[in-house]
Each structure stands twice: as structure tokens, then as C-alpha cells.
N, C-alpha and C. Protein backbone atom coordinates (compact mmCIF):
# COMPACT_ATOMS: atom_id res chain seq x y z
N MET A 1 13.41 9.11 2.82
CA MET A 1 13.02 8.84 1.44
C MET A 1 13.22 7.36 1.14
N LYS A 2 12.38 6.84 0.29
CA LYS A 2 12.45 5.44 -0.08
C LYS A 2 13.72 5.18 -0.89
N LYS A 3 14.27 3.98 -0.73
CA LYS A 3 15.48 3.61 -1.46
C LYS A 3 15.18 3.47 -2.94
N LEU A 4 16.00 4.10 -3.78
CA LEU A 4 15.80 4.07 -5.22
C LEU A 4 16.99 3.42 -5.90
N SER A 5 16.70 2.71 -6.98
CA SER A 5 17.77 2.14 -7.80
C SER A 5 18.37 3.26 -8.66
N GLU A 6 19.49 2.97 -9.27
CA GLU A 6 20.13 3.96 -10.14
C GLU A 6 19.21 4.31 -11.32
N LYS A 7 18.54 3.31 -11.88
CA LYS A 7 17.64 3.58 -13.01
C LYS A 7 16.44 4.42 -12.57
N GLU A 8 15.92 4.17 -11.38
CA GLU A 8 14.81 4.98 -10.89
C GLU A 8 15.26 6.43 -10.70
N ARG A 9 16.44 6.63 -10.16
CA ARG A 9 16.96 8.01 -10.01
C ARG A 9 17.14 8.67 -11.36
N THR A 10 17.63 7.92 -12.34
CA THR A 10 17.82 8.45 -13.69
C THR A 10 16.49 8.90 -14.28
N ILE A 11 15.44 8.10 -14.10
CA ILE A 11 14.11 8.44 -14.62
C ILE A 11 13.58 9.70 -13.95
N LEU A 12 13.71 9.78 -12.63
CA LEU A 12 13.23 10.98 -11.92
C LEU A 12 13.99 12.22 -12.36
N GLN A 13 15.29 12.10 -12.56
CA GLN A 13 16.09 13.24 -13.03
C GLN A 13 15.63 13.68 -14.42
N ALA A 14 15.36 12.72 -15.30
CA ALA A 14 14.89 13.05 -16.64
C ALA A 14 13.53 13.74 -16.58
N LEU A 15 12.65 13.27 -15.71
CA LEU A 15 11.34 13.92 -15.54
C LEU A 15 11.49 15.34 -15.02
N GLU A 16 12.38 15.54 -14.06
CA GLU A 16 12.60 16.88 -13.52
C GLU A 16 13.12 17.82 -14.59
N LYS A 17 14.01 17.35 -15.45
CA LYS A 17 14.55 18.18 -16.54
C LYS A 17 13.46 18.57 -17.52
N LYS A 18 12.44 17.72 -17.66
CA LYS A 18 11.33 17.99 -18.58
C LYS A 18 10.20 18.75 -17.92
N GLY A 19 10.42 19.30 -16.75
CA GLY A 19 9.39 20.08 -16.08
C GLY A 19 8.40 19.25 -15.28
N GLY A 20 8.73 17.99 -15.05
CA GLY A 20 7.89 17.16 -14.20
C GLY A 20 6.84 16.34 -14.92
N ARG A 21 6.80 16.41 -16.27
CA ARG A 21 5.79 15.65 -17.03
C ARG A 21 6.37 15.31 -18.40
N GLU A 22 6.20 14.04 -18.81
CA GLU A 22 6.74 13.63 -20.11
C GLU A 22 6.06 12.36 -20.61
N TYR A 23 6.07 12.18 -21.94
CA TYR A 23 5.59 10.95 -22.56
C TYR A 23 6.50 9.79 -22.14
N GLN A 24 5.92 8.61 -21.96
CA GLN A 24 6.71 7.44 -21.60
C GLN A 24 7.75 7.14 -22.68
N LYS A 25 7.37 7.23 -23.94
CA LYS A 25 8.28 6.94 -25.05
C LYS A 25 9.47 7.90 -25.05
N LYS A 26 9.21 9.17 -24.82
CA LYS A 26 10.30 10.15 -24.80
C LYS A 26 11.21 9.93 -23.60
N LEU A 27 10.64 9.52 -22.48
CA LEU A 27 11.46 9.19 -21.31
C LEU A 27 12.38 8.02 -21.62
N ALA A 28 11.83 7.00 -22.29
CA ALA A 28 12.65 5.85 -22.66
C ALA A 28 13.80 6.28 -23.56
N ASP A 29 13.49 7.11 -24.56
CA ASP A 29 14.52 7.58 -25.48
C ASP A 29 15.59 8.40 -24.77
N SER A 30 15.17 9.31 -23.89
CA SER A 30 16.13 10.21 -23.24
C SER A 30 17.00 9.50 -22.20
N THR A 31 16.52 8.37 -21.68
CA THR A 31 17.31 7.64 -20.68
C THR A 31 18.05 6.45 -21.28
N GLY A 32 17.80 6.16 -22.55
CA GLY A 32 18.47 5.03 -23.20
C GLY A 32 17.92 3.68 -22.78
N MET A 33 16.70 3.66 -22.26
CA MET A 33 16.08 2.41 -21.83
C MET A 33 15.03 1.98 -22.86
N SER A 34 14.79 0.68 -22.90
CA SER A 34 13.71 0.18 -23.77
C SER A 34 12.37 0.56 -23.16
N SER A 35 11.32 0.47 -23.96
CA SER A 35 9.98 0.77 -23.45
C SER A 35 9.59 -0.19 -22.33
N GLN A 36 9.94 -1.46 -22.49
CA GLN A 36 9.61 -2.46 -21.46
C GLN A 36 10.35 -2.16 -20.16
N THR A 37 11.63 -1.82 -20.25
CA THR A 37 12.42 -1.54 -19.06
C THR A 37 11.91 -0.32 -18.33
N ILE A 38 11.68 0.77 -19.06
CA ILE A 38 11.24 1.99 -18.39
C ILE A 38 9.85 1.81 -17.79
N SER A 39 9.00 1.03 -18.45
CA SER A 39 7.67 0.77 -17.91
C SER A 39 7.77 0.08 -16.55
N LYS A 40 8.65 -0.88 -16.44
CA LYS A 40 8.85 -1.61 -15.18
C LYS A 40 9.28 -0.65 -14.07
N TYR A 41 10.23 0.22 -14.36
CA TYR A 41 10.73 1.14 -13.34
C TYR A 41 9.71 2.24 -13.02
N LEU A 42 8.96 2.69 -14.01
CA LEU A 42 7.92 3.69 -13.76
C LEU A 42 6.83 3.13 -12.86
N MET A 43 6.47 1.87 -13.07
CA MET A 43 5.46 1.25 -12.20
C MET A 43 5.99 1.12 -10.77
N SER A 44 7.27 0.83 -10.63
CA SER A 44 7.87 0.76 -9.30
C SER A 44 7.84 2.14 -8.63
N LEU A 45 8.18 3.18 -9.39
CA LEU A 45 8.14 4.54 -8.85
C LEU A 45 6.72 4.96 -8.50
N GLU A 46 5.76 4.52 -9.30
CA GLU A 46 4.35 4.83 -9.01
C GLU A 46 3.94 4.17 -7.69
N GLY A 47 4.37 2.95 -7.48
CA GLY A 47 4.07 2.25 -6.24
C GLY A 47 4.66 2.93 -5.02
N LYS A 48 5.75 3.66 -5.22
CA LYS A 48 6.40 4.39 -4.13
C LYS A 48 5.83 5.80 -3.98
N GLY A 49 4.87 6.14 -4.86
CA GLY A 49 4.23 7.46 -4.79
C GLY A 49 5.07 8.59 -5.34
N LEU A 50 6.07 8.26 -6.17
CA LEU A 50 6.97 9.30 -6.68
C LEU A 50 6.60 9.80 -8.07
N VAL A 51 5.80 9.03 -8.80
CA VAL A 51 5.30 9.46 -10.10
C VAL A 51 3.83 9.05 -10.22
N VAL A 52 3.13 9.71 -11.13
CA VAL A 52 1.72 9.42 -11.37
C VAL A 52 1.55 9.20 -12.87
N LYS A 53 0.82 8.14 -13.21
CA LYS A 53 0.53 7.83 -14.62
C LYS A 53 -0.69 8.61 -15.07
N ASP A 54 -0.60 9.18 -16.27
CA ASP A 54 -1.72 9.91 -16.87
C ASP A 54 -1.96 9.32 -18.25
N ASP A 55 -3.01 8.51 -18.40
CA ASP A 55 -3.31 7.94 -19.71
C ASP A 55 -4.60 8.52 -20.28
N SER A 56 -4.90 9.75 -19.91
CA SER A 56 -6.12 10.40 -20.37
C SER A 56 -6.07 10.79 -21.84
N GLN A 57 -4.88 10.75 -22.44
CA GLN A 57 -4.73 11.12 -23.85
C GLN A 57 -4.28 9.91 -24.66
N ARG A 58 -4.92 8.78 -24.41
CA ARG A 58 -4.57 7.54 -25.11
C ARG A 58 -4.50 7.75 -26.60
N PRO A 59 -3.57 7.15 -27.29
CA PRO A 59 -2.67 6.10 -26.85
C PRO A 59 -1.42 6.61 -26.14
N HIS A 60 -1.29 7.91 -25.97
CA HIS A 60 -0.11 8.46 -25.31
C HIS A 60 -0.22 8.27 -23.80
N ILE A 61 0.90 7.91 -23.20
CA ILE A 61 0.96 7.77 -21.75
C ILE A 61 1.97 8.78 -21.22
N PHE A 62 1.50 9.62 -20.33
CA PHE A 62 2.36 10.59 -19.67
C PHE A 62 2.67 10.11 -18.27
N TRP A 63 3.81 10.50 -17.77
CA TRP A 63 4.17 10.30 -16.37
C TRP A 63 4.53 11.64 -15.81
N LYS A 64 4.14 11.87 -14.57
CA LYS A 64 4.46 13.16 -13.97
C LYS A 64 4.82 12.99 -12.51
N ILE A 65 5.56 13.95 -12.03
CA ILE A 65 5.91 13.99 -10.62
C ILE A 65 4.79 14.72 -9.91
N PRO A 66 4.18 14.08 -8.90
CA PRO A 66 3.06 14.75 -8.21
C PRO A 66 3.53 15.99 -7.47
N LYS A 67 2.66 16.98 -7.45
CA LYS A 67 2.97 18.20 -6.70
C LYS A 67 2.80 17.95 -5.22
N GLU A 68 3.68 18.49 -4.45
CA GLU A 68 3.59 18.34 -2.99
C GLU A 68 2.55 19.29 -2.44
N GLY A 69 1.94 18.85 -1.33
CA GLY A 69 0.98 19.73 -0.65
C GLY A 69 -0.36 19.36 -1.00
């Protein structure tokens, strides 16, 4: 598995608690991070293939954990 920072692990844990999908704003609130900070870490996780951005319901941005298989 790719090396993750503590904040990246915190974000993934929060997503898992929410069933694998959540609004970016709610993730920021639940992890105590600013919108700018969580955005930076979510983009890093996306680059590692651990989360997927869903902006199909603009202006809302969802992040989800991709299903395996």
C-alpha cells in the first residue's frame, strides 16, 4: 500500500464511516480541517487512486472510495 500521511488516513477513515461517499465540506467539518487543507489532501489521495472526485452535482463536490474489482 502507498505511504499515507496522518491526515490522509484521517480522511479515509472519515469516508469509510460515512459509507464511502461524502460531500467535501462535510468531510472538512468532520475532520476539523479547512476546505483548502482537505482539498489538498483529497487531491493527493486521488492521485494515489484511493478516492474519486464526483462533481456531477455541482456546486456540490463528493468524494468516494472506489469499489474494488
